[in-house]
Amino acid sequence: MKRLQLQRWSGSVLSAQARTGGRLQQRLYYAIRHQSTASPAAPAGNDQLVKKQPQAPSISSPHSQKSRYRLPSPPVEAARESAKLAALHARLYLPSRLPLETLARSLVHPSADPNPNFNNESLATLGHDLLTYYASEHLICSYPRLPLTVIFAAMYAYVGPKTLAAMAREWGVESVAAPGGEVDPGYLQFQRLAPGTDVNPETITGTERPHDDEPTWRKSVTSRVVYDNEYGDPVKGPVDPSELAERDAQTSQGVTVEEANASFVSAVMGSIYLHAGRPAAKRFFEQHFLSRHLNISDLFNFSQPARDLARLCARENFEAPVARIVSETGRKSRSPVFVVGIYSGQDKLGEGAGASLLEAHFRAAVAALKGWYLYNPLDVRVPSSMEEEGAAPWKPVHVDLGEVIV
């Protein structure tokens, strides 16, 4: 057996303790060189050991965690840490220019945080105005002959609070049991109403309508355009500062889930308009609101369609409508069927079927009125389309005389 010669052993075995610091310094040197923001440092000698630098704690201090419990809503910096908020942003396919902080603010109702810098009151006001503007121009330009009552009902169906609340649930927005700074920013935060609170709306008094205190006076449908809101409901007039403080106190007591969800959807619309501009806001409205099917013909409610049709023909200088039996079967049986058509001269205005001549006549008159009111011109342009770049010259849309006043 040969003796081992120590001078032939590798240097790594003989000087492992001494070369440790040199290797760490060499790795640190090359790591710094690969960074674009750091300047390379000269390598230290082999006998110099690397000094350990203190690392920033990954877990926040107990003091900062306790301070979140004192906030009425989550802090702004918590939006970047919420996976639920990022998932909501991606699920709605929101523009990349819309930051998560603004989306988190749109989820905070004024009842949860009264500070206007951190709640969605201003965003919801802007979004509500945009929604009603886009919906009204679409209805008026697409169906220029609709009666006002049908327009109000269609507006409520498109952008009403019940529709907005249903959309928020479809988007997967969840509500918290109680708001607070420790809550995930991806939840809808609002102060809930106490159990047993009466949520039925009271009769609104003190509106801007003249002679509002006269209950027996008739209110015309046309006046609802001037004095009422976009849904045809009465609007509260200017309030005193004392009444305004009382209203704020009622809001702090809590709101319904429907009201909180509706404010969130309106706030999202306003946020998109502020951060991404008008084209993105209009595209969002078309994708999420106009894409919903609304059967406008179901919104009509006629009490005397034959009389209304006769007045309409007289106003438009048409021949007086005449009802004729188109076909019938089983007149003497227990289930007869009559088909009645209404004609104006040689033109057939409408047709209806029923178990009696009166019912068939009624349905035929309704079909004739719907055929007139649901007129839809082709290639309709709305006024907001003129704001697009390179828009074609504006062509006036069809303006009708309005509904029949009986």
Protein backbone atom coordinates (compact mmCIF):
# COMPACT_ATOMS: atom_id res chain seq x y z
CA MET A 1 0.00 0.00 0.00
CA LYS A 2 1.41 3.30 -1.12
CA ARG A 3 1.53 6.28 1.12
CA LEU A 4 -0.51 9.29 0.15
CA GLN A 5 1.40 12.41 -0.72
CA LEU A 6 -0.24 15.46 0.75
CA GLN A 7 1.28 17.81 -1.81
CA ARG A 8 -0.69 16.06 -4.60
CA TRP A 9 -4.10 16.52 -2.96
CA SER A 10 -6.42 19.00 -4.57
CA GLY A 11 -6.49 22.50 -3.23
CA SER A 12 -10.21 22.23 -2.53
CA VAL A 13 -9.57 19.56 0.10
CA LEU A 14 -6.68 21.30 1.76
CA SER A 15 -8.05 24.84 1.85
CA ALA A 16 -11.83 24.37 2.04
CA GLN A 17 -12.18 26.60 5.07
CA ALA A 18 -10.10 29.38 3.62
CA ARG A 19 -11.65 29.41 0.13
CA THR A 20 -15.28 29.62 1.26
CA GLY A 21 -15.32 33.38 1.49
CA GLY A 22 -13.64 33.77 -1.88
CA ARG A 23 -16.25 31.65 -3.65
CA LEU A 24 -19.13 33.58 -2.09
CA GLN A 25 -17.50 36.83 -3.11
CA GLN A 26 -17.03 35.56 -6.66
CA ARG A 27 -20.68 34.53 -6.98
CA LEU A 28 -21.82 37.83 -5.54
CA TYR A 29 -19.60 39.68 -8.00
CA TYR A 30 -21.01 37.92 -11.05
CA ALA A 31 -24.57 38.28 -9.78
CA ILE A 32 -24.14 42.04 -9.47
CA ARG A 33 -22.74 42.26 -12.98
CA HIS A 34 -25.87 40.66 -14.41
CA GLN A 35 -28.08 43.33 -12.84
CA SER A 36 -28.76 46.38 -14.97
CA THR A 37 -29.38 48.76 -12.06
CA ALA A 38 -26.32 47.90 -9.98
CA SER A 39 -22.71 48.81 -10.69
CA PRO A 40 -20.08 46.04 -10.50
CA ALA A 41 -17.94 46.00 -7.38
CA ALA A 42 -14.35 44.84 -7.20
CA PRO A 43 -13.91 41.30 -5.83
CA ALA A 44 -12.58 41.12 -2.33
CA GLY A 45 -9.71 39.01 -1.22
CA ASN A 46 -10.00 35.34 -0.30
CA ASP A 47 -9.54 36.03 3.36
CA GLN A 48 -12.43 38.49 3.51
CA LEU A 49 -15.79 36.95 4.51
CA VAL A 50 -19.10 38.15 3.14
CA LYS A 51 -21.13 40.21 5.52
CA LYS A 52 -24.78 39.30 5.76
CA GLN A 53 -27.12 42.17 4.96
CA PRO A 54 -30.39 42.45 6.88
CA GLN A 55 -33.45 41.44 4.83
CA ALA A 56 -36.74 43.30 4.91
CA PRO A 57 -39.37 41.41 6.87
CA SER A 58 -41.96 39.82 4.57
CA ILE A 59 -44.70 39.94 7.20
CA SER A 60 -45.98 43.33 8.21
CA SER A 61 -45.65 44.41 11.77
CA PRO A 62 -48.49 43.80 14.22
CA HIS A 63 -48.95 47.55 14.54
CA SER A 64 -49.79 47.96 10.82
CA GLN A 65 -52.14 44.98 10.95
CA LYS A 66 -54.00 46.48 13.89
CA SER A 67 -54.25 49.86 12.15
CA ARG A 68 -56.25 48.27 9.32
CA TYR A 69 -59.02 47.41 11.75
CA ARG A 70 -59.53 51.11 12.41
CA LEU A 71 -60.11 51.97 8.72
CA PRO A 72 -63.69 51.95 7.36
CA SER A 73 -62.50 50.43 4.05
CA PRO A 74 -59.36 48.59 2.86
CA PRO A 75 -56.28 50.75 2.25
CA VAL A 76 -55.30 51.63 -1.30
CA GLU A 77 -52.15 49.51 -1.34
CA ALA A 78 -54.14 46.37 -0.49
CA ALA A 79 -55.62 46.29 -4.01
CA ARG A 80 -52.37 44.93 -5.46
CA GLU A 81 -52.46 41.99 -3.06
CA SER A 82 -56.03 40.86 -3.80
CA ALA A 83 -56.33 37.86 -6.10
CA LYS A 84 -60.12 38.23 -6.14
CA LEU A 85 -59.84 41.78 -7.44
CA ALA A 86 -57.40 40.78 -10.18
CA ALA A 87 -59.70 37.92 -11.20
CA LEU A 88 -62.66 40.33 -11.45
CA HIS A 89 -60.59 42.69 -13.60
CA ALA A 90 -59.71 39.86 -15.98
CA ARG A 91 -63.21 38.36 -15.95
CA LEU A 92 -64.81 41.60 -17.13
CA TYR A 93 -62.03 42.12 -19.69
CA LEU A 94 -61.47 45.64 -18.43
CA PRO A 95 -58.90 47.91 -20.12
CA SER A 96 -55.34 47.60 -18.87
CA ARG A 97 -55.30 51.35 -18.20
CA LEU A 98 -57.91 50.86 -15.48
CA PRO A 99 -55.84 50.24 -12.31
CA LEU A 100 -56.82 47.82 -9.61
CA GLU A 101 -56.95 50.66 -7.09
CA THR A 102 -59.82 52.33 -8.97
CA LEU A 103 -61.66 49.03 -9.34
CA ALA A 104 -61.30 48.50 -5.59
CA ARG A 105 -62.70 51.98 -4.96
CA SER A 106 -65.74 51.20 -7.12
CA LEU A 107 -66.55 48.35 -4.71
CA VAL A 108 -66.82 50.69 -1.69
CA HIS A 109 -70.29 52.15 -1.13
CA PRO A 110 -70.65 55.50 0.70
CA SER A 111 -72.45 53.69 3.52
CA ALA A 112 -69.20 51.80 4.24
CA ASP A 113 -66.80 54.74 3.91
CA PRO A 114 -68.27 58.27 3.96
CA ASN A 115 -65.01 59.81 2.72
CA PRO A 116 -65.63 60.86 -0.92
CA ASN A 117 -61.98 60.22 -1.76
CA PHE A 118 -62.32 56.50 -1.05
CA ASN A 119 -65.92 55.58 -1.98
CA ASN A 120 -67.62 55.18 -5.34
CA GLU A 121 -70.17 57.98 -5.09
CA SER A 122 -68.57 60.25 -7.70
CA LEU A 123 -67.76 57.35 -10.03
CA ALA A 124 -71.31 56.00 -9.77
CA THR A 125 -72.79 59.42 -10.57
CA LEU A 126 -70.70 59.71 -13.72
CA GLY A 127 -71.40 56.12 -14.75
CA HIS A 128 -75.15 56.53 -14.19
CA ASP A 129 -75.24 59.57 -16.48
CA LEU A 130 -73.31 57.71 -19.18
CA LEU A 131 -75.55 54.65 -18.98
CA THR A 132 -78.76 56.66 -19.26
CA TYR A 133 -77.32 58.75 -22.11
CA TYR A 134 -76.26 55.76 -24.21
CA ALA A 135 -79.48 53.87 -23.51
CA SER A 136 -81.76 56.82 -24.31
CA GLU A 137 -80.07 57.67 -27.61
CA HIS A 138 -80.20 54.02 -28.65
CA LEU A 139 -83.94 53.75 -27.93
CA ILE A 140 -84.97 57.09 -29.41
CA CYS A 141 -82.94 56.69 -32.62
CA SER A 142 -83.72 52.99 -33.14
CA TYR A 143 -87.45 53.28 -32.34
CA PRO A 144 -88.45 56.91 -33.07
CA ARG A 145 -92.19 56.23 -32.69
CA LEU A 146 -92.19 54.67 -29.23
CA PRO A 147 -94.60 56.20 -26.70
CA LEU A 148 -93.03 57.88 -23.70
CA THR A 149 -94.34 55.31 -21.25
CA VAL A 150 -92.69 52.53 -23.26
CA ILE A 151 -89.42 54.48 -23.41
CA PHE A 152 -89.44 54.87 -19.63
CA ALA A 153 -90.08 51.15 -19.19
CA ALA A 154 -87.33 50.23 -21.68
CA MET A 155 -84.88 52.56 -19.93
CA TYR A 156 -85.63 50.85 -16.63
CA ALA A 157 -85.19 47.44 -18.26
CA TYR A 158 -81.80 48.36 -19.74
CA VAL A 159 -80.11 50.39 -16.98
CA GLY A 160 -82.50 50.25 -14.03
CA PRO A 161 -81.28 49.35 -10.52
CA LYS A 162 -82.72 45.83 -10.68
CA THR A 163 -80.91 45.17 -13.97
CA LEU A 164 -77.61 46.52 -12.63
CA ALA A 165 -77.93 44.42 -9.48
CA ALA A 166 -78.54 41.30 -11.57
CA MET A 167 -75.47 42.09 -13.68
CA ALA A 168 -73.29 42.43 -10.59
CA ARG A 169 -74.40 38.98 -9.42
CA GLU A 170 -73.69 37.55 -12.87
CA TRP A 171 -70.19 39.01 -12.72
CA GLY A 172 -69.53 37.04 -9.56
CA VAL A 173 -69.31 40.00 -7.16
CA GLU A 174 -69.70 38.91 -3.55
CA SER A 175 -70.74 41.09 -0.63
CA VAL A 176 -69.21 41.28 2.83
CA ALA A 177 -71.08 40.81 6.06
CA ALA A 178 -69.61 44.02 7.49
CA PRO A 179 -67.15 46.52 5.94
CA GLY A 180 -63.73 47.22 7.39
CA GLY A 181 -60.09 47.82 6.60
CA GLU A 182 -59.16 44.16 7.02
CA VAL A 183 -61.61 43.00 4.31
CA ASP A 184 -60.34 41.78 0.94
CA PRO A 185 -60.72 44.65 -1.58
CA GLY A 186 -62.35 42.25 -4.04
CA TYR A 187 -65.60 42.17 -2.04
CA LEU A 188 -68.47 44.64 -2.34
CA GLN A 189 -68.48 46.65 0.87
CA PHE A 190 -71.52 48.46 2.22
CA GLN A 191 -73.41 48.85 5.46
CA ARG A 192 -76.38 46.49 5.50
CA LEU A 193 -79.81 47.50 6.65
CA ALA A 194 -80.84 46.35 10.09
CA PRO A 195 -83.29 43.43 10.13
CA GLY A 196 -86.90 44.55 10.14
CA THR A 197 -86.26 47.84 8.34
CA ASP A 198 -89.02 48.91 5.97
CA VAL A 199 -87.53 49.10 2.47
CA ASN A 200 -90.73 50.07 0.65
CA PRO A 201 -90.28 53.47 -1.00
CA GLU A 202 -92.39 56.22 0.45
CA THR A 203 -94.35 58.71 -1.64
CA ILE A 204 -91.98 61.45 -2.73
CA THR A 205 -93.16 64.94 -1.86
CA GLY A 206 -91.62 68.34 -2.42
CA THR A 207 -90.66 67.84 -6.08
CA GLU A 208 -89.94 70.60 -8.59
CA ARG A 209 -93.26 69.98 -10.37
CA PRO A 210 -95.59 72.99 -9.98
CA HIS A 211 -98.74 72.45 -7.92
CA ASP A 212 -97.36 69.20 -6.59
CA ASP A 213 -99.49 69.55 -3.48
CA GLU A 214 -102.70 69.13 -5.51
CA PRO A 215 -103.44 65.38 -5.42
CA THR A 216 -106.51 65.61 -7.69
CA TRP A 217 -104.77 67.39 -10.56
CA ARG A 218 -103.94 65.26 -13.57
CA LYS A 219 -100.25 64.86 -14.42
CA SER A 220 -99.61 64.52 -18.13
CA VAL A 221 -97.15 62.03 -19.56
CA THR A 222 -95.25 64.78 -21.38
CA SER A 223 -94.51 66.61 -18.14
CA ARG A 224 -92.63 63.55 -16.88
CA VAL A 225 -89.88 64.33 -19.39
CA VAL A 226 -89.33 67.75 -17.82
CA TYR A 227 -89.86 67.16 -14.12
CA ASP A 228 -89.21 63.45 -13.52
CA ASN A 229 -86.11 61.29 -13.84
CA GLU A 230 -85.04 59.06 -16.72
CA TYR A 231 -87.45 56.32 -15.61
CA GLY A 232 -90.47 58.61 -15.31
CA ASP A 233 -90.40 58.60 -11.51
CA PRO A 234 -90.74 61.81 -9.46
CA VAL A 235 -87.54 63.47 -8.32
CA LYS A 236 -86.96 65.13 -4.99
CA GLY A 237 -86.48 68.86 -5.28
CA PRO A 238 -83.67 70.93 -3.70
CA VAL A 239 -83.22 70.04 -0.05
CA ASP A 240 -82.10 72.08 2.89
CA PRO A 241 -78.72 71.40 4.53
CA SER A 242 -80.53 69.98 7.55
CA GLU A 243 -82.42 67.49 5.37
CA LEU A 244 -79.19 66.62 3.59
CA ALA A 245 -77.53 65.78 6.90
CA GLU A 246 -80.52 63.62 7.80
CA ARG A 247 -80.23 61.78 4.47
CA ASP A 248 -76.53 61.14 5.07
CA ALA A 249 -77.39 59.74 8.48
CA GLN A 250 -79.91 57.39 6.90
CA THR A 251 -77.31 56.26 4.35
CA SER A 252 -74.83 55.51 7.12
CA GLN A 253 -77.44 53.28 8.75
CA GLY A 254 -77.34 50.95 5.75
CA VAL A 255 -78.59 50.31 2.23
CA THR A 256 -80.04 47.34 0.39
CA VAL A 257 -77.95 44.85 -1.53
CA GLU A 258 -79.64 45.92 -4.75
CA GLU A 259 -78.65 49.55 -4.27
CA ALA A 260 -75.04 48.64 -3.46
CA ASN A 261 -74.73 46.36 -6.52
CA ALA A 262 -76.25 49.00 -8.79
CA SER A 263 -73.80 51.63 -7.56
CA PHE A 264 -70.88 49.28 -8.25
CA VAL A 265 -71.87 48.67 -11.89
CA SER A 266 -72.36 52.40 -12.45
CA ALA A 267 -68.99 53.10 -10.83
CA VAL A 268 -67.27 50.61 -13.15
CA MET A 269 -68.74 52.44 -16.14
CA GLY A 270 -67.50 55.77 -14.80
CA SER A 271 -64.05 54.35 -14.06
CA ILE A 272 -63.67 53.04 -17.61
CA TYR A 273 -64.65 56.43 -19.01
CA LEU A 274 -62.11 58.26 -16.84
CA HIS A 275 -59.14 55.95 -17.39
CA ALA A 276 -59.70 54.47 -20.87
CA GLY A 277 -61.77 57.16 -22.58
CA ARG A 278 -65.09 57.40 -24.35
CA PRO A 279 -64.55 54.63 -26.97
CA ALA A 280 -63.79 52.03 -24.29
CA ALA A 281 -66.81 53.10 -22.23
CA LYS A 282 -69.15 52.88 -25.21
CA ARG A 283 -67.73 49.49 -26.19
CA PHE A 284 -68.29 48.26 -22.63
CA PHE A 285 -71.90 49.47 -22.80
CA GLU A 286 -72.53 47.68 -26.08
CA GLN A 287 -70.98 44.42 -24.86
CA HIS A 288 -72.71 44.26 -21.48
CA PHE A 289 -75.99 46.17 -21.94
CA LEU A 290 -77.09 46.33 -25.57
CA SER A 291 -76.18 42.67 -26.02
CA ARG A 292 -79.10 41.75 -23.75
CA HIS A 293 -82.30 40.91 -25.57
CA LEU A 294 -85.25 43.10 -24.65
CA ASN A 295 -88.61 42.36 -26.26
CA ILE A 296 -90.02 45.86 -26.46
CA SER A 297 -93.34 44.64 -27.83
CA ASP A 298 -94.13 43.16 -24.41
CA LEU A 299 -93.93 46.61 -22.80
CA PHE A 300 -97.09 47.92 -24.46
CA ASN A 301 -100.38 48.03 -22.59
CA PHE A 302 -103.41 49.18 -24.58
CA SER A 303 -106.81 49.64 -22.99
CA GLN A 304 -108.76 50.71 -26.09
CA PRO A 305 -106.63 49.86 -29.14
CA ALA A 306 -109.47 50.28 -31.67
CA ARG A 307 -110.03 53.88 -30.59
CA ASP A 308 -106.29 54.66 -30.61
CA LEU A 309 -105.94 53.17 -34.09
CA ALA A 310 -108.83 55.27 -35.41
CA ARG A 311 -107.23 58.46 -34.00
CA LEU A 312 -103.87 57.49 -35.48
CA CYS A 313 -105.31 56.95 -38.95
CA ALA A 314 -107.12 60.29 -38.75
CA ARG A 315 -103.91 62.10 -37.75
CA GLU A 316 -101.87 60.53 -40.55
CA ASN A 317 -104.62 61.13 -43.14
CA PHE A 318 -105.18 57.41 -43.67
CA GLU A 319 -108.52 55.88 -44.49
CA ALA A 320 -110.56 54.86 -41.47
CA PRO A 321 -109.69 51.36 -40.26
CA VAL A 322 -112.17 48.60 -41.03
CA ALA A 323 -112.21 45.14 -39.38
CA ARG A 324 -112.88 42.13 -41.60
CA ILE A 325 -113.07 38.42 -40.89
CA VAL A 326 -110.21 36.67 -42.64
CA SER A 327 -111.16 33.13 -41.61
CA GLU A 328 -113.06 31.25 -38.96
CA THR A 329 -113.55 27.69 -37.78
CA GLY A 330 -115.91 26.00 -35.32
CA ARG A 331 -118.32 28.89 -34.83
CA LYS A 332 -120.93 26.56 -33.29
CA SER A 333 -118.38 24.43 -31.38
CA ARG A 334 -117.04 24.88 -27.84
CA SER A 335 -113.65 26.15 -29.09
CA PRO A 336 -114.13 28.46 -32.08
CA VAL A 337 -111.25 30.37 -33.67
CA PHE A 338 -111.72 33.66 -35.50
CA VAL A 339 -109.05 35.48 -37.50
CA VAL A 340 -109.76 39.19 -37.96
CA GLY A 341 -107.78 41.65 -40.06
CA ILE A 342 -107.88 45.45 -39.90
CA TYR A 343 -107.61 47.28 -43.20
CA SER A 344 -107.12 50.89 -44.16
CA GLY A 345 -108.34 50.95 -47.72
CA GLN A 346 -106.46 48.17 -49.50
CA ASP A 347 -103.62 48.09 -46.92
CA LYS A 348 -103.70 45.50 -44.19
CA LEU A 349 -102.62 47.07 -40.89
CA GLY A 350 -102.83 44.10 -38.53
CA GLU A 351 -104.25 40.68 -37.89
CA GLY A 352 -105.31 38.83 -34.76
CA ALA A 353 -106.88 35.53 -33.73
CA GLY A 354 -109.16 34.80 -30.79
CA ALA A 355 -111.94 32.65 -29.43
CA SER A 356 -114.46 35.41 -30.15
CA LEU A 357 -114.87 38.17 -32.68
CA LEU A 358 -114.32 40.81 -30.00
CA GLU A 359 -111.07 39.22 -28.83
CA ALA A 360 -109.79 38.80 -32.38
CA HIS A 361 -110.68 42.42 -33.18
CA PHE A 362 -108.85 43.59 -30.05
CA ARG A 363 -105.70 41.64 -30.94
CA ALA A 364 -105.77 42.83 -34.53
CA ALA A 365 -105.92 46.47 -33.40
CA VAL A 366 -103.02 45.86 -30.98
CA ALA A 367 -100.96 44.27 -33.76
CA ALA A 368 -101.64 47.27 -36.02
CA LEU A 369 -100.56 49.75 -33.32
CA LYS A 370 -97.41 47.77 -32.54
CA GLY A 371 -96.55 47.65 -36.23
CA TRP A 372 -96.66 51.45 -36.26
CA TYR A 373 -94.88 52.16 -32.98
CA LEU A 374 -92.12 49.54 -33.45
CA TYR A 375 -90.91 51.06 -36.71
CA ASN A 376 -87.13 50.57 -36.84
CA PRO A 377 -85.16 52.39 -39.57
CA LEU A 378 -82.10 50.73 -41.09
CA ASP A 379 -78.50 51.88 -40.55
CA VAL A 380 -79.32 54.01 -37.53
CA ARG A 381 -76.64 56.38 -36.24
CA VAL A 382 -76.65 57.83 -32.76
CA PRO A 383 -75.35 61.30 -31.85
CA SER A 384 -72.40 59.89 -29.87
CA SER A 385 -71.03 58.29 -33.06
CA MET A 386 -69.99 61.75 -34.26
CA GLU A 387 -67.32 61.83 -31.55
CA GLU A 388 -65.39 59.03 -33.25
CA GLU A 389 -62.34 59.81 -35.37
CA GLY A 390 -63.08 59.99 -39.08
CA ALA A 391 -66.84 59.92 -38.59
CA ALA A 392 -69.02 60.44 -41.64
CA PRO A 393 -71.12 63.60 -41.91
CA TRP A 394 -74.19 63.53 -39.73
CA LYS A 395 -77.52 62.62 -41.29
CA PRO A 396 -80.58 63.62 -39.27
CA VAL A 397 -82.54 60.73 -37.84
CA HIS A 398 -86.26 60.27 -38.22
CA VAL A 399 -88.32 62.36 -35.82
CA ASP A 400 -91.94 61.28 -35.38
CA LEU A 401 -94.91 63.36 -34.29
CA GLY A 402 -95.24 61.24 -31.17
CA GLU A 403 -97.85 58.98 -29.74
CA VAL A 404 -101.56 59.36 -30.17
CA ILE A 405 -103.13 61.63 -27.56
CA VAL A 406 -106.70 60.64 -26.77
